[in-house]
Amino acid sequence: MAFQLALRNNVAHPFSSDNKAAGWKWLRLFLQRNPTLSARKPQAMSLARVQGLNEESVNLFFSILKPELEKIKFNPLKVFNVDETGITVVQHKVRKIVAMKGKKSVHKLSAERGALVTVVMCMSASGSFVPPLMIFPRKLMKNELMDGAPPGAIGAANESGWITSDLFEKWFQHFISIVKPSKEDPIVLILDGHYSHSCNLNLLNLACDNGVPIVCLPPHSTSKLQPLDVSFMFPFKTYYAQAIENWLSNYPNRVVCNLQIAQLFNEAYAKAEVVKTAVNGFKKTGILPYNPNVFGPEDFLATPPAEASSAPEPSAKSQPSTSTDIRPASPSNQPSCSTQIPQLTTVSPRDIVGVPVIHPSTSKRRGNAALLTSSPYKKKLQDSKEKIDLKVRKQLNPIPKTLPGKEKNS
């Protein structure tokens, strides 16, 4: 881009005409001349997440959340957020060590592969934490797997190790037994739109009976709107990786297996289970204290089609003047087209590369923020379930077709 800028603006340059690019020396000097700039490594972000976090979906979420918070008088003791995460016996990050320069082989002992264990965690806006649920990848649950787990934690087994509707319903019953909500004293629960959360009619009926309005986050927006993702998950994963490294150092010639996961999880969970972490998570997302304007235009990367299609109007500063006379010209003294002095133009980096524009997704299958315990949502879910059951019954018991020329006897 630097080469093209110099070429199209007729600027003398020492760049190579063969490579048609500026060199590393120019880049180093350019960064020295502009100390506010730096070469940074961007974080990868999926297209679905960029499109999902848009102003319309965020405003809808806060408009659904506000009436529920008003019912509990914005009490942080009565607002909870639940989410799942996966942990394995292999740490996802390794701490740096001091080694000799030039030594190419610097290793650290680790397990060959890790079986996924799903952990369901929940915290409130006041800083309290509900004892988690640990789901192990096996058919039958063993009590030994929970040795050293956090106090009050419960365990379950599933062949894949993933969360299911039945297991999440089991966690919800555990949540009710700990928090003890009621219709007279409701508790607001915020979660994402995973199928185990939003497509379980028994769970929603149980929530209504116990006074737990469930608010679902917009899809692909948990990195900004879910308190657990914003403030808790990163330090927890860091502490968990450190716990595995310390265990491997204390027990040489051994690797971590499922029997040690609960103990290592408890060590990391105890460090991350901090009141300030939970409070900051709800504050940064704008849930409590309630702040629907917590996100600015720079947080919404997807550009609406109307704004993306319209070109920005040129400002007065960007148009250089060709005359020092600031008086308005009369029709008599305006130059003709043949003698008019051409206006000076400058090619900008935007003209060469351009700023990429991402349009919000218009797919109707993405879903949106919703109050899952509301009657319209439950009725829609019930109708969808009945249609699926009817389709399955027709496939299992197809209606026999009468062969031509062989009608049934009356």
Protein backbone atom coordinates (compact mmCIF):
# COMPACT_ATOMS: atom_id res chain seq x y z
CA MET A 1 0.00 0.00 0.00
CA ALA A 2 2.89 2.39 0.73
CA PHE A 3 4.31 1.72 -2.74
CA GLN A 4 0.94 2.40 -4.40
CA LEU A 5 0.44 5.59 -2.38
CA ALA A 6 3.81 6.95 -3.46
CA LEU A 7 3.26 5.92 -7.08
CA ARG A 8 -0.25 7.32 -7.49
CA ASN A 9 0.55 10.57 -5.63
CA ASN A 10 3.75 11.17 -7.65
CA VAL A 11 5.96 11.12 -4.55
CA ALA A 12 9.65 10.33 -4.92
CA HIS A 13 10.46 7.07 -3.16
CA PRO A 14 13.34 4.57 -2.78
CA PHE A 15 11.04 1.55 -3.07
CA SER A 16 11.87 -1.38 -5.33
CA SER A 17 10.04 -1.25 -8.66
CA ASP A 18 10.59 -4.98 -9.11
CA ASN A 19 8.98 -6.02 -5.83
CA LYS A 20 6.43 -3.16 -5.98
CA ALA A 21 6.49 -2.89 -2.21
CA ALA A 22 8.15 -0.90 0.56
CA GLY A 23 10.88 -2.59 2.56
CA TRP A 24 11.14 -3.52 6.24
CA LYS A 25 13.49 -0.57 6.83
CA TRP A 26 10.78 1.85 5.70
CA LEU A 27 8.23 0.16 7.97
CA ARG A 28 10.57 0.42 10.97
CA LEU A 29 11.21 4.11 10.31
CA PHE A 30 7.52 4.73 9.67
CA LEU A 31 6.63 3.30 13.08
CA GLN A 32 9.36 5.43 14.68
CA ARG A 33 7.91 8.57 13.08
CA ASN A 34 4.41 7.62 14.30
CA PRO A 35 4.73 6.45 17.93
CA THR A 36 0.94 6.12 18.27
CA LEU A 37 1.02 3.17 15.84
CA SER A 38 2.32 -0.34 16.46
CA ALA A 39 2.31 -3.70 14.73
CA ARG A 40 -0.17 -5.86 16.62
CA LYS A 41 -1.39 -9.42 16.20
CA PRO A 42 -5.19 -9.40 15.71
CA GLN A 43 -7.42 -11.84 17.54
CA ALA A 44 -9.38 -14.28 15.40
CA MET A 45 -13.15 -13.75 15.43
CA SER A 46 -15.73 -15.79 13.54
CA LEU A 47 -18.07 -14.14 11.04
CA ALA A 48 -21.10 -15.37 12.99
CA ARG A 49 -19.88 -13.62 16.15
CA VAL A 50 -19.24 -10.37 14.29
CA GLN A 51 -22.70 -10.45 12.73
CA GLY A 52 -24.41 -11.57 15.93
CA LEU A 53 -23.26 -8.64 18.05
CA ASN A 54 -25.26 -5.82 16.49
CA GLU A 55 -27.05 -2.85 17.98
CA GLU A 56 -30.52 -4.17 17.23
CA SER A 57 -30.07 -7.51 19.03
CA VAL A 58 -28.34 -5.86 22.01
CA ASN A 59 -31.14 -3.31 22.41
CA LEU A 60 -33.72 -6.08 22.26
CA PHE A 61 -31.92 -8.01 24.99
CA PHE A 62 -31.82 -5.02 27.34
CA SER A 63 -35.48 -4.22 26.64
CA ILE A 64 -36.41 -7.77 27.69
CA LEU A 65 -34.11 -7.73 30.70
CA LYS A 66 -35.22 -4.40 32.18
CA PRO A 67 -38.81 -5.43 33.22
CA GLU A 68 -37.45 -8.54 34.94
CA LEU A 69 -34.87 -6.50 36.84
CA GLU A 70 -37.55 -4.01 37.88
CA LYS A 71 -39.55 -6.85 39.45
CA ILE A 72 -36.63 -7.67 41.75
CA LYS A 73 -35.77 -3.95 42.24
CA PHE A 74 -32.35 -4.39 40.59
CA ASN A 75 -31.15 -6.48 43.53
CA PRO A 76 -27.73 -8.01 42.66
CA LEU A 77 -28.40 -10.90 45.04
CA LYS A 78 -31.15 -12.11 42.70
CA VAL A 79 -29.43 -11.99 39.29
CA PHE A 80 -27.46 -15.05 38.17
CA ASN A 81 -25.60 -16.11 35.03
CA VAL A 82 -24.91 -19.73 34.11
CA ASP A 83 -22.60 -21.14 31.44
CA GLU A 84 -20.65 -24.30 30.58
CA THR A 85 -17.03 -24.77 29.70
CA GLY A 86 -14.88 -27.75 28.83
CA ILE A 87 -11.71 -28.83 30.62
CA THR A 88 -9.32 -31.67 29.81
CA VAL A 89 -6.30 -33.39 31.33
CA VAL A 90 -4.09 -31.47 28.88
CA GLN A 91 -3.47 -27.82 29.71
CA HIS A 92 -4.41 -25.42 26.92
CA LYS A 93 -1.45 -23.11 27.65
CA VAL A 94 2.05 -23.65 29.01
CA ARG A 95 4.04 -21.16 31.06
CA LYS A 96 7.42 -19.98 29.79
CA ILE A 97 10.59 -21.40 31.28
CA VAL A 98 14.20 -20.17 31.32
CA ALA A 99 16.48 -22.22 29.04
CA MET A 100 19.83 -21.88 27.31
CA LYS A 101 19.94 -19.82 24.16
CA GLY A 102 20.25 -21.88 21.02
CA LYS A 103 18.72 -24.98 22.61
CA LYS A 104 16.06 -26.16 20.15
CA SER A 105 14.47 -28.95 22.20
CA VAL A 106 12.64 -27.46 25.18
CA HIS A 107 9.82 -29.79 26.26
CA LYS A 108 7.49 -30.36 29.14
CA LEU A 109 5.66 -33.58 30.06
CA SER A 110 1.98 -33.71 29.15
CA ALA A 111 -0.77 -36.26 28.56
CA GLU A 112 -1.17 -37.70 25.07
CA ARG A 113 -4.78 -36.57 24.68
CA GLY A 114 -7.47 -35.20 26.91
CA ALA A 115 -11.02 -36.42 27.47
CA LEU A 116 -13.48 -33.54 27.67
CA VAL A 117 -15.16 -32.84 31.00
CA THR A 118 -17.94 -30.25 30.92
CA VAL A 119 -18.37 -27.99 33.94
CA VAL A 120 -21.55 -25.96 34.55
CA MET A 121 -20.78 -22.83 36.59
CA CYS A 122 -23.03 -20.07 37.87
CA MET A 123 -22.42 -16.77 39.66
CA SER A 124 -24.50 -13.82 40.82
CA ALA A 125 -24.08 -10.07 40.40
CA SER A 126 -23.31 -9.82 44.13
CA GLY A 127 -20.31 -12.17 43.89
CA SER A 128 -21.80 -15.45 45.16
CA PHE A 129 -21.16 -18.72 43.30
CA VAL A 130 -23.36 -21.79 43.00
CA PRO A 131 -21.49 -25.12 43.44
CA PRO A 132 -20.79 -26.44 39.92
CA LEU A 133 -21.87 -29.56 38.05
CA MET A 134 -19.13 -31.75 36.53
CA ILE A 135 -20.01 -34.03 33.60
CA PHE A 136 -17.53 -36.86 32.95
CA PRO A 137 -17.22 -38.73 29.63
CA ARG A 138 -18.39 -42.19 30.69
CA LYS A 139 -21.56 -44.29 30.81
CA LEU A 140 -21.80 -44.72 34.58
CA MET A 141 -20.82 -42.25 37.27
CA LYS A 142 -18.23 -43.20 39.90
CA ASN A 143 -18.06 -41.44 43.24
CA GLU A 144 -14.26 -41.53 43.13
CA LEU A 145 -14.30 -39.03 40.27
CA MET A 146 -15.58 -36.31 42.63
CA ASP A 147 -12.79 -36.71 45.18
CA GLY A 148 -11.39 -33.27 45.93
CA ALA A 149 -14.16 -31.42 44.08
CA PRO A 150 -15.42 -28.03 45.31
CA PRO A 151 -17.72 -28.26 48.36
CA GLY A 152 -21.32 -28.80 47.31
CA ALA A 153 -20.44 -29.71 43.72
CA ILE A 154 -22.37 -32.53 42.00
CA GLY A 155 -21.27 -34.98 39.32
CA ALA A 156 -22.88 -36.73 36.36
CA ALA A 157 -21.84 -38.97 33.47
CA ASN A 158 -22.41 -38.78 29.74
CA GLU A 159 -20.67 -40.79 27.03
CA SER A 160 -19.59 -37.70 25.10
CA GLY A 161 -18.93 -35.49 28.12
CA TRP A 162 -21.17 -32.77 26.67
CA ILE A 163 -24.13 -31.06 28.31
CA THR A 164 -27.61 -32.39 27.45
CA SER A 165 -31.13 -31.22 28.23
CA ASP A 166 -31.55 -33.82 30.98
CA LEU A 167 -28.23 -32.97 32.61
CA PHE A 168 -28.94 -29.25 32.51
CA GLU A 169 -32.32 -29.91 34.08
CA LYS A 170 -30.48 -31.81 36.82
CA TRP A 171 -28.24 -28.77 37.37
CA PHE A 172 -31.30 -26.50 37.49
CA GLN A 173 -32.83 -28.59 40.27
CA HIS A 174 -29.49 -28.30 42.08
CA PHE A 175 -29.62 -24.51 41.50
CA ILE A 176 -33.13 -24.30 43.00
CA SER A 177 -32.06 -26.27 46.06
CA ILE A 178 -29.18 -23.85 46.69
CA VAL A 179 -30.74 -20.48 45.85
CA LYS A 180 -34.33 -21.38 46.94
CA PRO A 181 -36.33 -19.02 44.69
CA SER A 182 -40.12 -18.70 44.77
CA LYS A 183 -42.87 -16.84 42.94
CA GLU A 184 -42.97 -14.33 45.81
CA ASP A 185 -39.18 -13.98 45.77
CA PRO A 186 -38.06 -14.54 42.14
CA ILE A 187 -34.53 -14.99 40.81
CA VAL A 188 -33.49 -13.83 37.31
CA LEU A 189 -31.30 -16.32 35.43
CA ILE A 190 -29.36 -15.26 32.32
CA LEU A 191 -27.98 -17.85 29.89
CA ASP A 192 -27.12 -18.40 26.24
CA GLY A 193 -29.32 -20.03 23.61
CA HIS A 194 -27.84 -23.53 23.69
CA TYR A 195 -30.42 -26.18 22.80
CA SER A 196 -30.14 -27.75 26.28
CA HIS A 197 -31.26 -24.39 27.73
CA SER A 198 -33.83 -23.07 25.30
CA CYS A 199 -35.50 -26.23 23.93
CA ASN A 200 -36.37 -28.04 27.17
CA LEU A 201 -40.05 -27.51 27.94
CA ASN A 202 -39.84 -29.38 31.26
CA LEU A 203 -37.06 -27.03 32.37
CA LEU A 204 -39.09 -23.93 31.47
CA ASN A 205 -42.16 -25.22 33.32
CA LEU A 206 -40.00 -25.98 36.35
CA ALA A 207 -38.59 -22.45 36.20
CA CYS A 208 -42.07 -20.90 36.07
CA ASP A 209 -43.26 -22.99 39.02
CA ASN A 210 -40.30 -21.86 41.13
CA GLY A 211 -40.24 -18.18 40.17
CA VAL A 212 -37.13 -18.13 37.95
CA PRO A 213 -37.58 -15.98 34.83
CA ILE A 214 -34.96 -17.08 32.29
CA VAL A 215 -33.57 -14.47 29.89
CA CYS A 216 -31.75 -15.78 26.82
CA LEU A 217 -28.81 -13.85 25.35
CA PRO A 218 -28.65 -13.00 21.63
CA PRO A 219 -26.78 -15.62 19.57
CA HIS A 220 -23.01 -15.20 19.09
CA SER A 221 -22.84 -12.35 21.59
CA THR A 222 -21.59 -14.09 24.74
CA SER A 223 -18.09 -12.62 24.40
CA LYS A 224 -19.58 -9.20 25.23
CA LEU A 225 -22.86 -9.89 27.04
CA GLN A 226 -22.21 -12.97 29.20
CA PRO A 227 -20.59 -12.06 32.56
CA LEU A 228 -18.92 -15.47 32.96
CA ASP A 229 -17.21 -15.16 29.57
CA VAL A 230 -16.23 -11.54 30.15
CA SER A 231 -14.55 -11.82 33.55
CA PHE A 232 -14.40 -15.39 34.91
CA MET A 233 -13.46 -17.91 32.21
CA PHE A 234 -10.05 -16.51 31.28
CA PRO A 235 -8.54 -16.42 34.80
CA PHE A 236 -10.11 -19.80 35.59
CA LYS A 237 -8.55 -21.44 32.50
CA THR A 238 -5.19 -19.86 33.38
CA TYR A 239 -5.31 -21.16 36.96
CA TYR A 240 -6.37 -24.61 35.73
CA ALA A 241 -3.42 -24.85 33.33
CA GLN A 242 -1.08 -23.85 36.17
CA ALA A 243 -2.61 -26.48 38.45
CA ILE A 244 -1.90 -29.20 35.88
CA GLU A 245 1.70 -28.04 35.45
CA ASN A 246 2.27 -28.01 39.20
CA TRP A 247 0.81 -31.51 39.54
CA LEU A 248 3.06 -32.86 36.77
CA SER A 249 6.09 -31.32 38.49
CA ASN A 250 5.21 -32.86 41.86
CA TYR A 251 4.46 -36.31 40.40
CA PRO A 252 7.14 -37.08 37.79
CA ASN A 253 6.70 -39.97 35.35
CA ARG A 254 2.90 -39.68 35.71
CA VAL A 255 0.19 -38.01 33.67
CA VAL A 256 -3.12 -36.52 34.72
CA CYS A 257 -6.20 -38.72 34.36
CA ASN A 258 -9.90 -38.28 35.14
CA LEU A 259 -9.37 -39.18 38.79
CA GLN A 260 -7.32 -36.00 39.34
CA ILE A 261 -9.55 -33.58 37.40
CA ALA A 262 -11.89 -32.75 40.29
CA GLN A 263 -8.96 -31.92 42.59
CA LEU A 264 -7.22 -29.74 39.98
CA PHE A 265 -10.51 -28.09 39.07
CA ASN A 266 -11.13 -27.25 42.73
CA GLU A 267 -7.68 -25.66 43.01
CA ALA A 268 -8.29 -23.39 40.02
CA TYR A 269 -11.93 -22.70 40.86
CA ALA A 270 -11.03 -21.54 44.38
CA LYS A 271 -8.60 -18.97 42.97
CA ALA A 272 -11.01 -17.67 40.32
CA GLU A 273 -14.04 -17.65 42.65
CA VAL A 274 -13.58 -14.02 43.66
CA VAL A 275 -16.34 -11.52 44.47
CA LYS A 276 -14.69 -8.75 42.47
CA THR A 277 -14.49 -10.95 39.39
CA ALA A 278 -18.23 -11.63 39.42
CA VAL A 279 -19.17 -8.01 40.10
CA ASN A 280 -16.95 -6.72 37.30
CA GLY A 281 -18.41 -9.25 34.87
CA PHE A 282 -21.95 -7.98 35.36
CA LYS A 283 -20.75 -4.37 35.31
CA LYS A 284 -18.83 -4.66 32.03
CA THR A 285 -21.81 -6.25 30.30
CA GLY A 286 -24.17 -3.51 31.49
CA ILE A 287 -26.51 -5.94 33.25
CA LEU A 288 -25.96 -4.64 36.79
CA PRO A 289 -25.69 -1.78 37.34
CA TYR A 290 -28.19 -1.62 34.48
CA ASN A 291 -26.58 0.28 31.60
CA PRO A 292 -27.99 -0.42 28.12
CA ASN A 293 -25.55 2.12 26.63
CA VAL A 294 -22.44 0.32 27.84
CA PHE A 295 -21.45 -0.52 24.24
CA GLY A 296 -20.39 2.15 21.77
CA PRO A 297 -20.36 2.17 17.96
CA GLU A 298 -16.86 0.66 17.94
CA ASP A 299 -18.20 -2.51 19.62
CA PHE A 300 -20.60 -3.24 16.77
CA LEU A 301 -18.39 -4.39 13.91
CA ALA A 302 -21.25 -5.28 11.57
CA THR A 303 -22.40 -2.25 9.57
CA PRO A 304 -26.09 -1.84 8.66
CA PRO A 305 -26.72 -2.04 4.89
CA ALA A 306 -28.04 1.55 4.72
CA GLU A 307 -24.87 2.95 6.26
CA ALA A 308 -22.55 0.70 4.31
CA SER A 309 -24.05 1.60 0.92
CA SER A 310 -23.94 5.34 1.45
CA ALA A 311 -20.58 6.97 0.76
CA PRO A 312 -19.33 9.45 3.37
CA GLU A 313 -19.63 13.06 2.41
CA PRO A 314 -16.28 14.79 1.86
CA SER A 315 -15.42 17.23 4.60
CA ALA A 316 -14.24 20.74 4.06
CA LYS A 317 -10.81 19.89 5.47
CA SER A 318 -10.21 17.17 2.89
CA GLN A 319 -10.76 19.50 -0.11
CA PRO A 320 -7.75 21.76 -0.71
CA SER A 321 -8.51 25.28 -1.83
CA THR A 322 -7.13 26.56 -5.15
CA SER A 323 -7.63 30.23 -4.38
CA THR A 324 -6.98 32.61 -1.53
CA ASP A 325 -10.13 34.63 -2.26
CA ILE A 326 -12.78 33.57 0.24
CA ARG A 327 -15.51 35.82 -1.21
CA PRO A 328 -18.35 34.05 -3.02
CA ALA A 329 -17.84 34.19 -6.76
CA SER A 330 -20.46 35.91 -8.87
CA PRO A 331 -21.72 34.38 -12.10
CA SER A 332 -19.91 37.04 -14.11
CA ASN A 333 -16.42 36.40 -12.76
CA GLN A 334 -16.53 32.57 -12.67
CA PRO A 335 -14.00 30.97 -15.06
CA SER A 336 -15.20 28.94 -17.97
CA CYS A 337 -14.80 25.16 -18.10
CA SER A 338 -11.93 25.43 -20.55
CA THR A 339 -9.85 27.73 -18.36
CA GLN A 340 -10.83 26.32 -14.93
CA ILE A 341 -7.85 25.29 -12.79
CA PRO A 342 -8.04 21.57 -11.92
CA GLN A 343 -8.55 20.87 -8.23
CA LEU A 344 -5.69 19.13 -6.39
CA THR A 345 -6.52 15.56 -5.34
CA THR A 346 -4.67 13.14 -3.09
CA VAL A 347 -5.03 9.38 -3.14
CA SER A 348 -5.60 8.09 0.40
CA PRO A 349 -5.04 4.59 1.82
CA ARG A 350 -8.82 4.14 1.87
CA ASP A 351 -8.88 4.58 -1.92
CA ILE A 352 -6.35 1.77 -2.41
CA VAL A 353 -7.38 -0.86 0.11
CA GLY A 354 -10.73 0.27 1.50
CA VAL A 355 -12.27 -0.56 4.84
CA PRO A 356 -14.04 -3.97 4.85
CA VAL A 357 -17.77 -3.76 5.53
CA ILE A 358 -19.59 -6.64 7.25
CA HIS A 359 -23.35 -6.64 6.92
CA PRO A 360 -25.56 -7.94 9.75
CA SER A 361 -26.96 -11.38 9.09
CA THR A 362 -30.60 -11.51 7.97
CA SER A 363 -31.04 -15.24 8.56
CA LYS A 364 -34.21 -16.09 10.46
CA ARG A 365 -32.68 -19.25 11.92
CA ARG A 366 -30.25 -17.35 14.13
CA GLY A 367 -32.81 -16.76 16.86
CA ASN A 368 -32.70 -13.76 19.14
CA ALA A 369 -32.84 -12.65 22.73
CA ALA A 370 -36.00 -13.86 24.47
CA LEU A 371 -37.71 -14.43 27.80
CA LEU A 372 -37.80 -18.24 27.75
CA THR A 373 -40.30 -18.54 30.59
CA SER A 374 -42.91 -16.35 28.86
CA SER A 375 -46.14 -17.98 27.67
CA PRO A 376 -45.67 -17.10 23.94
CA TYR A 377 -42.22 -18.69 23.87
CA LYS A 378 -43.38 -21.84 25.66
CA LYS A 379 -46.41 -22.17 23.36
CA LYS A 380 -44.19 -21.80 20.30
CA LEU A 381 -41.83 -24.45 21.68
CA GLN A 382 -44.77 -26.77 22.44
CA ASP A 383 -46.20 -26.38 18.91
CA SER A 384 -42.79 -27.08 17.39
CA LYS A 385 -42.40 -30.18 19.56
CA GLU A 386 -45.86 -31.47 18.53
CA LYS A 387 -45.04 -30.99 14.83
CA ILE A 388 -41.81 -32.95 15.23
CA ASP A 389 -43.58 -35.75 17.13
CA LEU A 390 -46.28 -35.94 14.44
CA LYS A 391 -43.65 -36.15 11.71
CA VAL A 392 -41.82 -38.93 13.57
CA ARG A 393 -45.05 -40.90 14.04
CA LYS A 394 -45.83 -40.66 10.33
CA GLN A 395 -42.38 -41.96 9.48
CA LEU A 396 -42.70 -44.89 11.90
CA ASN A 397 -46.28 -45.76 10.89
CA PRO A 398 -46.75 -44.77 7.23
CA ILE A 399 -50.25 -44.88 5.78
CA PRO A 400 -50.50 -47.92 3.41
CA LYS A 401 -51.28 -47.01 -0.18
CA THR A 402 -53.93 -49.00 -2.08
CA LEU A 403 -52.56 -50.75 -5.15
CA PRO A 404 -54.22 -49.87 -8.47
CA GLY A 405 -57.11 -52.21 -9.38
CA LYS A 406 -57.19 -53.75 -5.85
CA GLU A 407 -59.63 -51.78 -3.76
CA LYS A 408 -60.52 -52.80 -0.26
CA ASN A 409 -63.75 -54.71 0.24
CA SER A 410 -66.47 -52.74 1.95
